[in-house]
């Protein structure tokens, strides 16, 4: 006879849909010594959904780290932002 009982730690083969993570770890960029000396502001915080493709992060790399911008985003096309 089958039962609907599920043992603890076993999902019974079914996946729960719509489950949201309890905590989202957000990495906060820290300012390095050379950036503090030159007056470059710290990199904006990345949105967990978009990572380093967050609009503010892309703009920061384009303005303050053009060499890194070219390496990271080579061959990508960006929408014009006014």
PDB file of N, CA and C in Angstrom:
ATOM      1  N   UNK A   1       0.835  -1.173   0.000  1.00  0.00           N
ATOM      2  CA  UNK A   1       0.000   0.000   0.000  1.00  0.00           C
ATOM      3  C   UNK A   1       0.885   1.244   0.000  1.00  0.00           C
ATOM      4  N   UNK A   2       0.604   2.200  -0.889  1.00  0.00           N
ATOM      5  CA  UNK A   2       1.374   3.432  -0.959  1.00  0.00           C
ATOM      6  C   UNK A   2       0.841   4.445   0.041  1.00  0.00           C
ATOM      7  N   UNK A   3       1.766   5.235   0.576  1.00  0.00           N
ATOM      8  CA  UNK A   3       1.367   6.304   1.482  1.00  0.00           C
ATOM      9  C   UNK A   3       1.916   7.624   0.963  1.00  0.00           C
ATOM     10  N   UNK A   4       1.392   8.708   1.459  1.00  0.00           N
ATOM     11  CA  UNK A   4       1.847  10.037   1.074  1.00  0.00           C
ATOM     12  C   UNK A   4       2.937  10.553   2.006  1.00  0.00           C
ATOM     13  N   UNK A   5       3.410   9.717   2.870  1.00  0.00           N
ATOM     14  CA  UNK A   5       4.408  10.115   3.841  1.00  0.00           C
ATOM     15  C   UNK A   5       5.764  10.277   3.157  1.00  0.00           C
ATOM     16  N   UNK A   6       6.453  11.343   3.472  1.00  0.00           N
ATOM     17  CA  UNK A   6       7.781  11.602   2.923  1.00  0.00           C
ATOM     18  C   UNK A   6       8.760  11.636   4.085  1.00  0.00           C
ATOM     19  N   UNK A   7       9.819  10.870   3.955  1.00  0.00           N
ATOM     20  CA  UNK A   7      10.813  10.858   5.009  1.00  0.00           C
ATOM     21  C   UNK A   7      11.532  12.197   5.064  1.00  0.00           C
ATOM     22  N   UNK A   8      12.005  12.540   6.231  1.00  0.00           N
ATOM     23  CA  UNK A   8      12.700  13.794   6.419  1.00  0.00           C
ATOM     24  C   UNK A   8      13.983  13.798   5.586  1.00  0.00           C
ATOM     25  N   UNK A   9      14.182  14.884   4.826  1.00  0.00           N
ATOM     26  CA  UNK A   9      15.373  15.007   4.012  1.00  0.00           C
ATOM     27  C   UNK A   9      15.221  14.436   2.617  1.00  0.00           C
ATOM     28  N   UNK A  10      14.095  13.785   2.329  1.00  0.00           N
ATOM     29  CA  UNK A  10      13.850  13.224   1.007  1.00  0.00           C
ATOM     30  C   UNK A  10      12.658  13.958   0.408  1.00  0.00           C
ATOM     31  N   UNK A  11      12.805  14.430  -0.801  1.00  0.00           N
ATOM     32  CA  UNK A  11      11.732  15.224  -1.398  1.00  0.00           C
ATOM     33  C   UNK A  11      10.699  14.361  -2.118  1.00  0.00           C
ATOM     34  N   UNK A  12      10.973  13.099  -2.300  1.00  0.00           N
ATOM     35  CA  UNK A  12      10.018  12.241  -2.973  1.00  0.00           C
ATOM     36  C   UNK A  12      10.004  12.441  -4.478  1.00  0.00           C
ATOM     37  N   UNK A  13      11.044  13.063  -5.017  1.00  0.00           N
ATOM     38  CA  UNK A  13      11.135  13.231  -6.452  1.00  0.00           C
ATOM     39  C   UNK A  13      10.439  14.469  -6.980  1.00  0.00           C
ATOM     40  N   UNK A  14       9.745  15.200  -6.169  1.00  0.00           N
ATOM     41  CA  UNK A  14       9.063  16.402  -6.617  1.00  0.00           C
ATOM     42  C   UNK A  14       9.885  17.626  -6.258  1.00  0.00           C
ATOM     43  N   UNK A  15       9.891  18.569  -7.174  1.00  0.00           N
ATOM     44  CA  UNK A  15      10.606  19.809  -6.911  1.00  0.00           C
ATOM     45  C   UNK A  15       9.619  20.878  -6.491  1.00  0.00           C
ATOM     46  N   UNK A  16      10.016  21.670  -5.523  1.00  0.00           N
ATOM     47  CA  UNK A  16       9.168  22.775  -5.098  1.00  0.00           C
ATOM     48  C   UNK A  16       9.408  23.952  -6.031  1.00  0.00           C
ATOM     49  N   UNK A  17       8.343  24.497  -6.527  1.00  0.00           N
ATOM     50  CA  UNK A  17       8.458  25.629  -7.435  1.00  0.00           C
ATOM     51  C   UNK A  17       8.234  26.927  -6.673  1.00  0.00           C
ATOM     52  N   UNK A  18       8.908  27.963  -7.135  1.00  0.00           N
ATOM     53  CA  UNK A  18       8.709  29.277  -6.545  1.00  0.00           C
ATOM     54  C   UNK A  18       9.396  29.474  -5.209  1.00  0.00           C
ATOM     55  N   UNK A  19      10.261  28.575  -4.860  1.00  0.00           N
ATOM     56  CA  UNK A  19      10.959  28.715  -3.587  1.00  0.00           C
ATOM     57  C   UNK A  19      12.003  29.812  -3.712  1.00  0.00           C
ATOM     58  N   UNK A  20      11.966  30.765  -2.812  1.00  0.00           N
ATOM     59  CA  UNK A  20      12.883  31.892  -2.827  1.00  0.00           C
ATOM     60  C   UNK A  20      13.950  31.663  -1.772  1.00  0.00           C
ATOM     61  N   UNK A  21      15.160  31.978  -2.122  1.00  0.00           N
ATOM     62  CA  UNK A  21      16.262  31.813  -1.173  1.00  0.00           C
ATOM     63  C   UNK A  21      16.028  32.703   0.038  1.00  0.00           C
ATOM     64  N   UNK A  22      16.356  32.186   1.204  1.00  0.00           N
ATOM     65  CA  UNK A  22      16.158  32.943   2.433  1.00  0.00           C
ATOM     66  C   UNK A  22      17.072  34.155   2.509  1.00  0.00           C
ATOM     67  N   UNK A  23      18.285  33.991   2.086  1.00  0.00           N
ATOM     68  CA  UNK A  23      19.260  35.069   2.160  1.00  0.00           C
ATOM     69  C   UNK A  23      19.983  35.197   0.827  1.00  0.00           C
ATOM     70  N   UNK A  24      20.251  36.421   0.446  1.00  0.00           N
ATOM     71  CA  UNK A  24      21.022  36.677  -0.761  1.00  0.00           C
ATOM     72  C   UNK A  24      22.293  37.383  -0.332  1.00  0.00           C
ATOM     73  N   UNK A  25      23.408  36.810  -0.693  1.00  0.00           N
ATOM     74  CA  UNK A  25      24.685  37.399  -0.318  1.00  0.00           C
ATOM     75  C   UNK A  25      25.040  38.488  -1.315  1.00  0.00           C
ATOM     76  N   UNK A  26      25.226  39.689  -0.816  1.00  0.00           N
ATOM     77  CA  UNK A  26      25.592  40.820  -1.659  1.00  0.00           C
ATOM     78  C   UNK A  26      27.028  41.191  -1.334  1.00  0.00           C
ATOM     79  N   UNK A  27      27.855  41.165  -2.355  1.00  0.00           N
ATOM     80  CA  UNK A  27      29.255  41.499  -2.175  1.00  0.00           C
ATOM     81  C   UNK A  27      29.407  43.004  -2.331  1.00  0.00           C
ATOM     82  N   UNK A  28      29.968  43.624  -1.322  1.00  0.00           N
ATOM     83  CA  UNK A  28      30.191  45.058  -1.356  1.00  0.00           C
ATOM     84  C   UNK A  28      31.637  45.303  -1.746  1.00  0.00           C
ATOM     85  N   UNK A  29      31.803  46.092  -2.785  1.00  0.00           N
ATOM     86  CA  UNK A  29      33.155  46.382  -3.256  1.00  0.00           C
ATOM     87  C   UNK A  29      33.876  47.242  -2.231  1.00  0.00           C
ATOM     88  N   UNK A  30      35.147  46.948  -2.041  1.00  0.00           N
ATOM     89  CA  UNK A  30      35.949  47.748  -1.128  1.00  0.00           C
ATOM     90  C   UNK A  30      36.910  48.600  -1.927  1.00  0.00           C
ATOM     91  N   UNK A  31      37.246  49.715  -1.368  1.00  0.00           N
ATOM     92  CA  UNK A  31      38.129  50.658  -2.041  1.00  0.00           C
ATOM     93  C   UNK A  31      39.586  50.272  -1.767  1.00  0.00           C
ATOM     94  N   UNK A  32      40.376  50.188  -2.820  1.00  0.00           N
ATOM     95  CA  UNK A  32      41.787  49.850  -2.638  1.00  0.00           C
ATOM     96  C   UNK A  32      42.568  51.129  -2.331  1.00  0.00           C
ATOM     97  N   UNK A  33      43.808  50.954  -1.913  1.00  0.00           N
ATOM     98  CA  UNK A  33      44.636  52.110  -1.548  1.00  0.00           C
ATOM     99  C   UNK A  33      44.866  53.033  -2.745  1.00  0.00           C
ATOM    100  N   UNK A  34      45.133  52.467  -3.912  1.00  0.00           N
ATOM    101  CA  UNK A  34      45.404  53.305  -5.080  1.00  0.00           C
ATOM    102  C   UNK A  34      44.161  54.077  -5.507  1.00  0.00           C
ATOM    103  N   UNK A  35      42.980  53.469  -5.386  1.00  0.00           N
ATOM    104  CA  UNK A  35      41.750  54.182  -5.723  1.00  0.00           C
ATOM    105  C   UNK A  35      41.490  55.317  -4.746  1.00  0.00           C
ATOM    106  N   UNK A  36      41.802  55.110  -3.474  1.00  0.00           N
ATOM    107  CA  UNK A  36      41.605  56.163  -2.483  1.00  0.00           C
ATOM    108  C   UNK A  36      42.533  57.341  -2.762  1.00  0.00           C
ATOM    109  N   UNK A  37      43.738  57.048  -3.200  1.00  0.00           N
ATOM    110  CA  UNK A  37      44.707  58.109  -3.480  1.00  0.00           C
ATOM    111  C   UNK A  37      44.347  58.899  -4.734  1.00  0.00           C
ATOM    112  N   UNK A  38      43.819  58.218  -5.748  1.00  0.00           N
ATOM    113  CA  UNK A  38      43.518  58.889  -7.008  1.00  0.00           C
ATOM    114  C   UNK A  38      42.139  59.519  -7.037  1.00  0.00           C
ATOM    115  N   UNK A  39      41.299  59.221  -6.078  1.00  0.00           N
ATOM    116  CA  UNK A  39      39.970  59.797  -6.023  1.00  0.00           C
ATOM    117  C   UNK A  39      38.931  59.031  -6.825  1.00  0.00           C
ATOM    118  N   UNK A  40      39.245  57.814  -7.236  1.00  0.00           N
ATOM    119  CA  UNK A  40      38.282  56.998  -7.970  1.00  0.00           C
ATOM    120  C   UNK A  40      37.283  56.428  -6.966  1.00  0.00           C
ATOM    121  N   UNK A  41      35.986  56.638  -7.206  1.00  0.00           N
ATOM    122  CA  UNK A  41      34.994  56.086  -6.273  1.00  0.00           C
ATOM    123  C   UNK A  41      34.962  54.560  -6.355  1.00  0.00           C
ATOM    124  N   UNK A  42      34.497  53.901  -5.297  1.00  0.00           N
ATOM    125  CA  UNK A  42      34.417  52.439  -5.343  1.00  0.00           C
ATOM    126  C   UNK A  42      33.392  51.979  -6.373  1.00  0.00           C
ATOM    127  N   UNK A  43      33.572  50.790  -6.871  1.00  0.00           N
ATOM    128  CA  UNK A  43      32.661  50.220  -7.852  1.00  0.00           C
ATOM    129  C   UNK A  43      31.280  50.040  -7.214  1.00  0.00           C
ATOM    130  N   UNK A  44      30.212  50.374  -7.928  1.00  0.00           N
ATOM    131  CA  UNK A  44      28.861  50.188  -7.372  1.00  0.00           C
ATOM    132  C   UNK A  44      28.581  48.722  -7.068  1.00  0.00           C
ATOM    133  N   UNK A  45      27.623  48.496  -6.209  1.00  0.00           N
ATOM    134  CA  UNK A  45      27.244  47.140  -5.819  1.00  0.00           C
ATOM    135  C   UNK A  45      26.511  46.483  -6.978  1.00  0.00           C
ATOM    136  N   UNK A  46      26.872  45.238  -7.267  1.00  0.00           N
ATOM    137  CA  UNK A  46      26.256  44.493  -8.353  1.00  0.00           C
ATOM    138  C   UNK A  46      24.888  43.976  -7.933  1.00  0.00           C
ATOM    139  N   UNK A  47      23.931  44.047  -8.834  1.00  0.00           N
ATOM    140  CA  UNK A  47      22.617  43.460  -8.614  1.00  0.00           C
ATOM    141  C   UNK A  47      22.784  41.942  -8.719  1.00  0.00           C
ATOM    142  N   UNK A  48      22.283  41.171  -7.764  1.00  0.00           N
ATOM    143  CA  UNK A  48      22.461  39.716  -7.810  1.00  0.00           C
ATOM    144  C   UNK A  48      21.905  39.078  -9.088  1.00  0.00           C
ATOM    145  N   UNK A  49      20.904  39.698  -9.700  1.00  0.00           N
ATOM    146  CA  UNK A  49      20.317  39.125 -10.914  1.00  0.00           C
ATOM    147  C   UNK A  49      21.200  39.332 -12.135  1.00  0.00           C
ATOM    148  N   UNK A  50      21.929  40.444 -12.182  1.00  0.00           N
ATOM    149  CA  UNK A  50      22.695  40.787 -13.377  1.00  0.00           C
ATOM    150  C   UNK A  50      24.201  40.691 -13.202  1.00  0.00           C
ATOM    151  N   UNK A  51      24.683  40.630 -11.989  1.00  0.00           N
ATOM    152  CA  UNK A  51      26.114  40.502 -11.732  1.00  0.00           C
ATOM    153  C   UNK A  51      26.898  41.676 -12.278  1.00  0.00           C
ATOM    154  N   UNK A  52      27.990  41.409 -13.015  1.00  0.00           N
ATOM    155  CA  UNK A  52      28.819  42.499 -13.516  1.00  0.00           C
ATOM    156  C   UNK A  52      28.217  43.165 -14.752  1.00  0.00           C
ATOM    157  N   UNK A  53      27.014  42.753 -15.141  1.00  0.00           N
ATOM    158  CA  UNK A  53      26.321  43.409 -16.246  1.00  0.00           C
ATOM    159  C   UNK A  53      25.309  44.444 -15.750  1.00  0.00           C
ATOM    160  N   UNK A  54      25.324  44.734 -14.453  1.00  0.00           N
ATOM    161  CA  UNK A  54      24.491  45.791 -13.897  1.00  0.00           C
ATOM    162  C   UNK A  54      24.877  47.101 -14.581  1.00  0.00           C
ATOM    163  N   UNK A  55      23.889  47.915 -14.929  1.00  0.00           N
ATOM    164  CA  UNK A  55      24.131  49.136 -15.705  1.00  0.00           C
ATOM    165  C   UNK A  55      25.151  50.051 -15.020  1.00  0.00           C
ATOM    166  N   UNK A  56      25.017  50.246 -13.719  1.00  0.00           N
ATOM    167  CA  UNK A  56      25.926  51.127 -12.997  1.00  0.00           C
ATOM    168  C   UNK A  56      27.355  50.579 -12.989  1.00  0.00           C
ATOM    169  N   UNK A  57      27.495  49.275 -12.885  1.00  0.00           N
ATOM    170  CA  UNK A  57      28.825  48.653 -12.864  1.00  0.00           C
ATOM    171  C   UNK A  57      29.494  48.787 -14.230  1.00  0.00           C
ATOM    172  N   UNK A  58      28.737  48.558 -15.301  1.00  0.00           N
ATOM    173  CA  UNK A  58      29.284  48.687 -16.649  1.00  0.00           C
ATOM    174  C   UNK A  58      29.750  50.127 -16.880  1.00  0.00           C
ATOM    175  N   UNK A  59      28.922  51.098 -16.475  1.00  0.00           N
ATOM    176  CA  UNK A  59      29.282  52.508 -16.646  1.00  0.00           C
ATOM    177  C   UNK A  59      30.524  52.859 -15.835  1.00  0.00           C
ATOM    178  N   UNK A  60      30.648  52.292 -14.633  1.00  0.00           N
ATOM    179  CA  UNK A  60      31.812  52.566 -13.792  1.00  0.00           C
ATOM    180  C   UNK A  60      33.080  52.049 -14.454  1.00  0.00           C
ATOM    181  N   UNK A  61      33.032  50.810 -14.960  1.00  0.00           N
ATOM    182  CA  UNK A  61      34.208  50.243 -15.631  1.00  0.00           C
ATOM    183  C   UNK A  61      34.564  51.054 -16.876  1.00  0.00           C
ATOM    184  N   UNK A  62      33.564  51.489 -17.614  1.00  0.00           N
ATOM    185  CA  UNK A  62      33.824  52.257 -18.826  1.00  0.00           C
ATOM    186  C   UNK A  62      34.512  53.582 -18.503  1.00  0.00           C
ATOM    187  N   UNK A  63      34.107  54.218 -17.412  1.00  0.00           N
ATOM    188  CA  UNK A  63      34.666  55.521 -17.061  1.00  0.00           C
ATOM    189  C   UNK A  63      36.003  55.428 -16.326  1.00  0.00           C
ATOM    190  N   UNK A  64      36.111  54.530 -15.344  1.00  0.00           N
ATOM    191  CA  UNK A  64      37.284  54.515 -14.472  1.00  0.00           C
ATOM    192  C   UNK A  64      38.308  53.425 -14.787  1.00  0.00           C
ATOM    193  N   UNK A  65      37.913  52.360 -15.434  1.00  0.00           N
ATOM    194  CA  UNK A  65      38.825  51.259 -15.762  1.00  0.00           C
ATOM    195  C   UNK A  65      38.645  50.844 -17.219  1.00  0.00           C
ATOM    196  N   UNK A  66      39.008  51.703 -18.184  1.00  0.00           N
ATOM    197  CA  UNK A  66      38.759  51.379 -19.592  1.00  0.00           C
ATOM    198  C   UNK A  66      39.468  50.108 -20.071  1.00  0.00           C
ATOM    199  N   UNK A  67      40.655  49.804 -19.539  1.00  0.00           N
ATOM    200  CA  UNK A  67      41.365  48.584 -19.946  1.00  0.00           C
ATOM    201  C   UNK A  67      40.582  47.350 -19.511  1.00  0.00           C
ATOM    202  N   UNK A  68      40.115  47.353 -18.281  1.00  0.00           N
ATOM    203  CA  UNK A  68      39.328  46.237 -17.754  1.00  0.00           C
ATOM    204  C   UNK A  68      37.982  46.145 -18.474  1.00  0.00           C
ATOM    205  N   UNK A  69      37.398  47.292 -18.813  1.00  0.00           N
ATOM    206  CA  UNK A  69      36.137  47.331 -19.548  1.00  0.00           C
ATOM    207  C   UNK A  69      36.265  46.600 -20.882  1.00  0.00           C
ATOM    208  N   UNK A  70      37.357  46.884 -21.602  1.00  0.00           N
ATOM    209  CA  UNK A  70      37.578  46.246 -22.905  1.00  0.00           C
ATOM    210  C   UNK A  70      37.731  44.735 -22.745  1.00  0.00           C
ATOM    211  N   UNK A  71      38.448  44.291 -21.714  1.00  0.00           N
ATOM    212  CA  UNK A  71      38.637  42.855 -21.489  1.00  0.00           C
ATOM    213  C   UNK A  71      37.327  42.165 -21.116  1.00  0.00           C
ATOM    214  N   UNK A  72      36.572  42.765 -20.193  1.00  0.00           N
ATOM    215  CA  UNK A  72      35.353  42.157 -19.685  1.00  0.00           C
ATOM    216  C   UNK A  72      34.223  42.112 -20.703  1.00  0.00           C
ATOM    217  N   UNK A  73      34.046  43.224 -21.393  1.00  0.00           N
ATOM    218  CA  UNK A  73      32.871  43.379 -22.231  1.00  0.00           C
ATOM    219  C   UNK A  73      33.221  43.418 -23.718  1.00  0.00           C
ATOM    220  N   UNK A  74      34.272  42.765 -24.123  1.00  0.00           N
ATOM    221  CA  UNK A  74      34.698  42.760 -25.529  1.00  0.00           C
ATOM    222  C   UNK A  74      33.620  42.145 -26.413  1.00  0.00           C
ATOM    223  N   UNK A  75      33.306  42.852 -27.493  1.00  0.00           N
ATOM    224  CA  UNK A  75      32.343  42.347 -28.451  1.00  0.00           C
ATOM    225  C   UNK A  75      30.889  42.524 -28.073  1.00  0.00           C
ATOM    226  N   UNK A  76      30.597  43.108 -26.937  1.00  0.00           N
ATOM    227  CA  UNK A  76      29.212  43.312 -26.521  1.00  0.00           C
ATOM    228  C   UNK A  76      28.723  44.673 -26.996  1.00  0.00           C
ATOM    229  N   UNK A  77      27.453  44.732 -27.306  1.00  0.00           N
ATOM    230  CA  UNK A  77      26.842  45.991 -27.699  1.00  0.00           C
ATOM    231  C   UNK A  77      25.954  46.456 -26.558  1.00  0.00           C
ATOM    232  N   UNK A  78      26.032  47.716 -26.224  1.00  0.00           N
ATOM    233  CA  UNK A  78      25.246  48.278 -25.142  1.00  0.00           C
ATOM    234  C   UNK A  78      24.284  49.316 -25.690  1.00  0.00           C
ATOM    235  N   UNK A  79      23.130  49.385 -25.074  1.00  0.00           N
ATOM    236  CA  UNK A  79      22.168  50.397 -25.470  1.00  0.00           C
ATOM    237  C   UNK A  79      22.670  51.761 -25.045  1.00  0.00           C
ATOM    238  N   UNK A  80      22.345  52.754 -25.821  1.00  0.00           N
ATOM    239  CA  UNK A  80      22.775  54.122 -25.487  1.00  0.00           C
ATOM    240  C   UNK A  80      22.028  54.585 -24.251  1.00  0.00           C
ATOM    241  N   UNK A  81      22.771  55.124 -23.311  1.00  0.00           N
ATOM    242  CA  UNK A  81      22.182  55.627 -22.079  1.00  0.00           C
ATOM    243  C   UNK A  81      22.401  57.113 -22.013  1.00  0.00           C
ATOM    244  N   UNK A  82      21.323  57.862 -21.819  1.00  0.00           N
ATOM    245  CA  UNK A  82      21.436  59.328 -21.724  1.00  0.00           C
ATOM    246  C   UNK A  82      21.446  59.783 -20.304  1.00  0.00           C
TER     247      UNK A  82
END
